[in-house]
């Protein structure tokens, strides 16, 4: 082995050791997470290697650490303690279907596959699909229970464009993203009802689509009426306005279907009425997640 090759191997293993150690420390020490976020320490390791996390005991997920959003997830968050993962287990149904709309790289779909009969991972972005299929390959037993649907959802069936933030390639929306130089991909849009309206065993739906959540719900009326699933939905009034909608439209949609809105981490003590929901949606800051629960199936306290 040449001295250059030996040096490259040493650098690679050193970097991997640092990545692993730093990731563990960040996940265990909240103060270090905050410091790392403030100092953008993840960028020190942005040389293209993969970082692997194990979620829910045995689900393996790789993160491409050359990508800013992956570095953030790997270093600055504790995915294993996500309220959404806890909710997947609380609402588990071995005879039910989980639909992951905006599946991204598949880590939620993979965990859900442990607790549901089948998972449909809906993801239109070419890059995310590549990462998603890679992560499925790491978990062959779970991937047998996951069907990938490589198209977008909307309120009607049509051809569309998926827009990307050039600085954050995992952020994609069916409407241009304000203040960002974007690229776009051509995608086919379908409605959820065109696929699932005749199903009777849809238990849980997750929607995280950077602002098109209400439009997707408009194309999901029969599926939701026929199945009465729980629905985890990302809420942001700013992102809804990209589509000339309001966050309150989502609340009203579910209220008309006799659903109750529950704020993360999802227990009866965090039920939001319309005023509290609108107040939260209008506050400055990033999006937040809520659970829409059928009134007849309101979840027990965590």
Protein backbone atom coordinates (compact mmCIF):
# COMPACT_ATOMS: atom_id res chain seq x y z
CA UNK A 1 0.00 0.00 0.00
CA UNK A 2 1.36 3.41 -0.96
CA UNK A 3 1.88 6.08 1.66
CA UNK A 4 -0.91 8.11 0.06
CA UNK A 5 -3.32 5.17 0.21
CA UNK A 6 -2.36 4.47 3.81
CA UNK A 7 -2.96 8.12 4.66
CA UNK A 8 -6.37 8.05 2.97
CA UNK A 9 -7.37 4.97 4.96
CA UNK A 10 -6.18 6.55 8.20
CA UNK A 11 -8.17 9.73 7.47
CA UNK A 12 -11.26 7.71 6.60
CA UNK A 13 -11.21 5.66 9.81
CA UNK A 14 -10.33 8.67 11.95
CA UNK A 15 -13.21 10.61 10.46
CA UNK A 16 -15.61 7.74 11.04
CA UNK A 17 -14.50 7.43 14.65
CA UNK A 18 -14.98 11.17 15.18
CA UNK A 19 -18.39 11.06 13.52
CA UNK A 20 -19.52 8.17 15.69
CA UNK A 21 -18.22 9.68 18.92
CA UNK A 22 -19.57 13.15 18.22
CA UNK A 23 -22.97 11.78 17.23
CA UNK A 24 -23.24 9.78 20.47
CA UNK A 25 -22.21 12.75 22.60
CA UNK A 26 -24.70 15.07 20.90
CA UNK A 27 -27.55 12.63 21.36
CA UNK A 28 -26.75 12.19 25.06
CA UNK A 29 -25.89 15.80 25.99
CA UNK A 30 -28.45 18.51 25.17
CA UNK A 31 -25.96 21.31 25.89
CA UNK A 32 -23.52 19.86 23.36
CA UNK A 33 -26.30 19.62 20.80
CA UNK A 34 -27.01 23.33 21.25
CA UNK A 35 -23.31 24.21 21.06
CA UNK A 36 -22.85 22.09 17.95
CA UNK A 37 -25.85 23.72 16.28
CA UNK A 38 -24.58 27.22 17.11
CA UNK A 39 -21.07 26.49 15.88
CA UNK A 40 -22.17 24.32 12.94
CA UNK A 41 -19.70 21.66 14.02
CA UNK A 42 -21.26 19.15 11.67
CA UNK A 43 -19.68 20.98 8.74
CA UNK A 44 -16.25 19.95 9.99
CA UNK A 45 -17.08 16.41 8.95
CA UNK A 46 -18.84 17.14 5.64
CA UNK A 47 -16.67 15.01 3.41
CA UNK A 48 -19.24 12.60 2.04
CA UNK A 49 -19.11 9.60 4.37
CA UNK A 50 -22.24 7.93 5.62
CA UNK A 51 -23.27 8.06 9.26
CA UNK A 52 -25.41 5.17 10.48
CA UNK A 53 -28.01 5.26 13.23
CA UNK A 54 -29.91 2.36 14.72
CA UNK A 55 -33.52 3.28 15.48
CA UNK A 56 -36.03 1.41 17.61
CA UNK A 57 -33.52 -1.26 18.49
CA UNK A 58 -32.79 -2.77 15.11
CA UNK A 59 -33.70 -0.40 12.24
CA UNK A 60 -30.54 0.70 10.41
CA UNK A 61 -30.56 4.06 8.62
CA UNK A 62 -27.69 5.73 6.77
CA UNK A 63 -27.24 9.49 6.49
CA UNK A 64 -25.12 11.05 3.76
CA UNK A 65 -23.07 13.50 5.81
CA UNK A 66 -22.16 15.57 2.77
CA UNK A 67 -25.77 16.84 2.89
CA UNK A 68 -26.57 19.64 5.32
CA UNK A 69 -29.96 18.29 6.39
CA UNK A 70 -28.52 14.86 7.05
CA UNK A 71 -25.77 16.35 9.19
CA UNK A 72 -28.41 18.17 11.20
CA UNK A 73 -30.43 14.98 11.74
CA UNK A 74 -27.35 12.96 12.58
CA UNK A 75 -25.61 15.39 14.94
CA UNK A 76 -28.26 17.72 16.31
CA UNK A 77 -31.37 15.61 16.86
CA UNK A 78 -32.24 12.49 18.79
CA UNK A 79 -34.35 10.66 16.25
CA UNK A 80 -34.62 7.59 18.47
CA UNK A 81 -36.60 9.65 21.01
CA UNK A 82 -38.89 11.28 18.46
CA UNK A 83 -42.52 11.59 19.65
CA UNK A 84 -43.58 10.30 16.24
CA UNK A 85 -41.76 6.99 16.78
CA UNK A 86 -43.44 6.64 20.16
CA UNK A 87 -46.78 7.37 18.54
CA UNK A 88 -46.24 4.69 15.88
CA UNK A 89 -45.94 2.15 18.67
CA UNK A 90 -48.87 3.51 20.70
CA UNK A 91 -51.17 3.33 17.67
CA UNK A 92 -49.73 0.11 16.28
CA UNK A 93 -52.06 -2.20 14.42
CA UNK A 94 -50.65 -5.47 13.05
CA UNK A 95 -53.68 -5.64 10.73
CA UNK A 96 -53.52 -2.01 9.63
CA UNK A 97 -51.85 0.06 6.92
CA UNK A 98 -49.58 3.05 7.48
CA UNK A 99 -49.25 5.64 4.70
CA UNK A 100 -46.11 7.80 4.82
CA UNK A 101 -46.70 10.84 2.59
CA UNK A 102 -43.41 12.63 2.11
CA UNK A 103 -41.43 9.56 3.12
CA UNK A 104 -38.08 11.26 2.49
CA UNK A 105 -35.30 8.75 3.21
CA UNK A 106 -37.61 6.19 4.77
CA UNK A 107 -36.65 6.14 8.45
CA UNK A 108 -40.25 6.58 9.62
CA UNK A 109 -41.54 4.02 7.11
CA UNK A 110 -38.98 1.49 8.31
CA UNK A 111 -39.88 1.86 11.98
CA UNK A 112 -43.58 1.74 11.10
CA UNK A 113 -43.08 -1.54 9.23
CA UNK A 114 -42.42 -3.19 12.61
CA UNK A 115 -45.89 -2.28 13.87
CA UNK A 116 -48.22 -2.33 10.87
CA UNK A 117 -49.30 -4.96 8.34
CA UNK A 118 -48.01 -2.89 5.43
CA UNK A 119 -46.49 0.53 4.76
CA UNK A 120 -46.85 2.68 1.67
CA UNK A 121 -43.95 5.15 1.34
CA UNK A 122 -44.91 7.98 -1.01
CA UNK A 123 -41.92 10.03 -2.17
CA UNK A 124 -41.51 11.80 -5.55
CA UNK A 125 -37.99 13.29 -5.27
CA UNK A 126 -35.28 11.45 -7.21
CA UNK A 127 -32.56 12.03 -4.58
CA UNK A 128 -34.78 11.04 -1.67
CA UNK A 129 -35.88 7.93 -3.55
CA UNK A 130 -32.25 6.91 -3.93
CA UNK A 131 -31.61 7.30 -0.19
CA UNK A 132 -34.94 5.61 0.61
CA UNK A 133 -34.15 2.55 -1.46
CA UNK A 134 -30.66 2.37 0.04
CA UNK A 135 -32.10 2.35 3.56
CA UNK A 136 -34.63 -0.31 2.58
CA UNK A 137 -31.74 -2.46 1.37
CA UNK A 138 -30.20 -2.25 4.87
CA UNK A 139 -33.36 -3.74 6.39
CA UNK A 140 -34.46 -6.57 4.07
CA UNK A 141 -36.96 -8.11 6.48
CA UNK A 142 -38.79 -4.83 6.97
CA UNK A 143 -38.52 -3.74 3.34
CA UNK A 144 -40.73 -6.69 2.36
CA UNK A 145 -43.58 -4.86 4.08
CA UNK A 146 -42.97 -1.51 2.37
CA UNK A 147 -44.25 -0.43 -1.05
CA UNK A 148 -42.59 2.67 -2.51
CA UNK A 149 -44.86 4.91 -4.59
CA UNK A 150 -42.63 7.33 -6.59
CA UNK A 151 -45.05 10.16 -7.30
CA UNK A 152 -46.50 13.25 -5.60
CA UNK A 153 -49.96 13.70 -4.11
CA UNK A 154 -52.22 16.68 -4.74
CA UNK A 155 -55.90 17.60 -4.85
CA UNK A 156 -56.19 16.42 -8.45
CA UNK A 157 -54.29 14.24 -10.88
CA UNK A 158 -51.93 16.21 -13.09
CA UNK A 159 -48.34 16.75 -14.17
CA UNK A 160 -46.43 19.04 -11.84
CA UNK A 161 -43.04 20.31 -10.71
CA UNK A 162 -41.20 19.58 -7.49
CA UNK A 163 -39.07 22.55 -6.36
CA UNK A 164 -35.94 22.25 -4.24
CA UNK A 165 -34.06 24.63 -1.98
CA UNK A 166 -30.57 24.68 -3.49
CA UNK A 167 -28.98 24.91 -0.03
CA UNK A 168 -31.16 22.18 1.48
CA UNK A 169 -31.75 19.50 -1.13
CA UNK A 170 -34.06 17.43 1.08
CA UNK A 171 -36.56 20.28 1.29
CA UNK A 172 -38.94 19.91 -1.65
CA UNK A 173 -42.32 21.47 -2.39
CA UNK A 174 -44.86 21.50 -5.20
CA UNK A 175 -44.69 25.31 -5.05
CA UNK A 176 -41.55 27.46 -5.42
CA UNK A 177 -39.71 28.06 -2.15
CA UNK A 178 -39.44 31.72 -1.23
CA UNK A 179 -36.02 33.33 -1.04
CA UNK A 180 -34.14 30.35 -2.43
CA UNK A 181 -32.49 29.57 -5.71
CA UNK A 182 -34.26 26.38 -6.65
CA UNK A 183 -34.05 23.55 -9.08
CA UNK A 184 -37.06 21.55 -10.12
CA UNK A 185 -38.04 18.06 -11.24
CA UNK A 186 -41.04 17.03 -13.27
CA UNK A 187 -43.38 14.79 -11.28
CA UNK A 188 -46.72 13.12 -11.70
CA UNK A 189 -49.36 14.04 -9.13
CA UNK A 190 -52.14 11.73 -8.03
CA UNK A 191 -54.78 11.91 -5.33
CA UNK A 192 -54.77 9.66 -2.29
CA UNK A 193 -58.34 8.67 -3.13
CA UNK A 194 -57.25 7.38 -6.55
CA UNK A 195 -55.21 4.72 -4.71
CA UNK A 196 -56.79 4.07 -1.30
CA UNK A 197 -60.46 5.13 -1.37
CA UNK A 198 -61.62 1.48 -1.42
CA UNK A 199 -59.27 0.32 1.34
CA UNK A 200 -60.82 -0.44 4.74
CA UNK A 201 -57.70 -0.95 6.84
CA UNK A 202 -55.80 2.36 6.67
CA UNK A 203 -54.90 3.00 10.31
CA UNK A 204 -52.44 5.89 10.30
CA UNK A 205 -51.35 8.53 7.78
CA UNK A 206 -48.38 10.87 8.09
CA UNK A 207 -48.24 14.00 5.89
CA UNK A 208 -45.10 16.15 5.67
CA UNK A 209 -44.97 17.87 2.28
CA UNK A 210 -43.72 21.43 2.86
CA UNK A 211 -47.05 23.21 2.52
CA UNK A 212 -49.21 21.05 0.26
CA UNK A 213 -50.81 19.16 3.16
CA UNK A 214 -54.24 20.80 2.73
CA UNK A 215 -54.29 20.19 -1.01
CA UNK A 216 -53.45 16.53 -0.37
CA UNK A 217 -56.30 16.30 2.14
CA UNK A 218 -58.72 17.66 -0.47
CA UNK A 219 -57.84 14.65 -2.58
CA UNK A 220 -58.19 12.25 0.37
CA UNK A 221 -61.79 12.76 1.49
CA UNK A 222 -63.11 9.29 0.70
CA UNK A 223 -60.05 7.53 2.09
CA UNK A 224 -60.39 9.37 5.40
CA UNK A 225 -64.17 8.98 5.59
CA UNK A 226 -64.03 5.26 4.82
CA UNK A 227 -61.14 4.43 7.17
CA UNK A 228 -61.23 7.04 9.96
CA UNK A 229 -57.43 6.86 10.35
CA UNK A 230 -55.27 8.84 12.73
CA UNK A 231 -53.38 11.53 10.80
CA UNK A 232 -50.03 13.06 11.78
CA UNK A 233 -49.67 16.37 9.93
CA UNK A 234 -46.99 19.04 9.76
CA UNK A 235 -48.43 22.52 10.30
CA UNK A 236 -47.01 25.82 9.07
CA UNK A 237 -49.10 28.81 8.10
CA UNK A 238 -46.16 30.23 6.12
CA UNK A 239 -45.83 27.10 4.03
CA UNK A 240 -49.58 26.79 3.49
CA UNK A 241 -49.59 30.27 1.97
CA UNK A 242 -47.37 28.99 -0.86
CA UNK A 243 -50.54 27.26 -2.06
CA UNK A 244 -52.95 30.11 -1.23
CA UNK A 245 -54.20 28.16 1.78
CA UNK A 246 -54.16 28.71 5.55
CA UNK A 247 -53.24 26.37 8.37
CA UNK A 248 -56.75 26.87 9.75
CA UNK A 249 -58.10 25.21 6.60
CA UNK A 250 -56.55 21.96 7.81
CA UNK A 251 -58.11 22.31 11.26
CA UNK A 252 -61.55 23.03 9.76
CA UNK A 253 -61.24 20.09 7.36
CA UNK A 254 -60.80 17.66 10.24
CA UNK A 255 -63.31 19.38 12.51
CA UNK A 256 -65.95 18.85 9.83
CA UNK A 257 -65.08 15.14 9.90
CA UNK A 258 -65.46 15.01 13.71
CA UNK A 259 -61.73 14.82 14.47
CA UNK A 260 -59.85 16.31 17.43
CA UNK A 261 -56.44 18.01 17.15
CA UNK A 262 -53.69 16.92 19.58
CA UNK A 263 -50.31 18.64 19.82
CA UNK A 264 -47.05 16.66 19.95
CA UNK A 265 -46.13 14.71 22.13
CA UNK A 266 -49.72 13.61 21.69
CA UNK A 267 -51.79 13.19 24.81
CA UNK A 268 -55.23 14.30 25.97
CA UNK A 269 -53.76 17.19 27.91
CA UNK A 270 -52.54 18.81 24.67
CA UNK A 271 -55.82 19.02 22.76
CA UNK A 272 -56.00 22.22 20.70
CA UNK A 273 -59.20 24.09 19.99
CA UNK A 274 -59.37 26.24 16.87
CA UNK A 275 -58.15 29.43 18.57
CA UNK A 276 -55.16 27.72 20.20
CA UNK A 277 -54.34 25.97 16.94
CA UNK A 278 -54.39 29.23 14.97
CA UNK A 279 -52.33 30.99 17.63
CA UNK A 280 -49.69 28.29 17.45
CA UNK A 281 -49.71 28.22 13.64
CA UNK A 282 -49.21 31.97 13.42
CA UNK A 283 -46.26 32.11 15.82
CA UNK A 284 -42.79 32.73 14.48
CA UNK A 285 -40.60 29.69 14.22
CA UNK A 286 -40.58 26.46 12.34
CA UNK A 287 -43.43 24.08 11.60
CA UNK A 288 -44.87 21.79 14.25
CA UNK A 289 -46.61 18.42 14.20
CA UNK A 290 -50.10 17.58 15.36
CA UNK A 291 -52.19 14.43 15.47
CA UNK A 292 -55.74 14.52 14.18
CA UNK A 293 -57.60 11.82 16.05
CA UNK A 294 -61.13 10.58 15.31
CA UNK A 295 -63.25 11.74 18.20
CA UNK A 296 -64.43 8.19 18.80
CA UNK A 297 -60.82 6.93 19.01
CA UNK A 298 -59.13 9.64 21.06
CA UNK A 299 -55.75 8.37 22.22
CA UNK A 300 -55.03 7.63 25.85
CA UNK A 301 -52.54 9.80 27.76
CA UNK A 302 -48.91 8.90 27.03
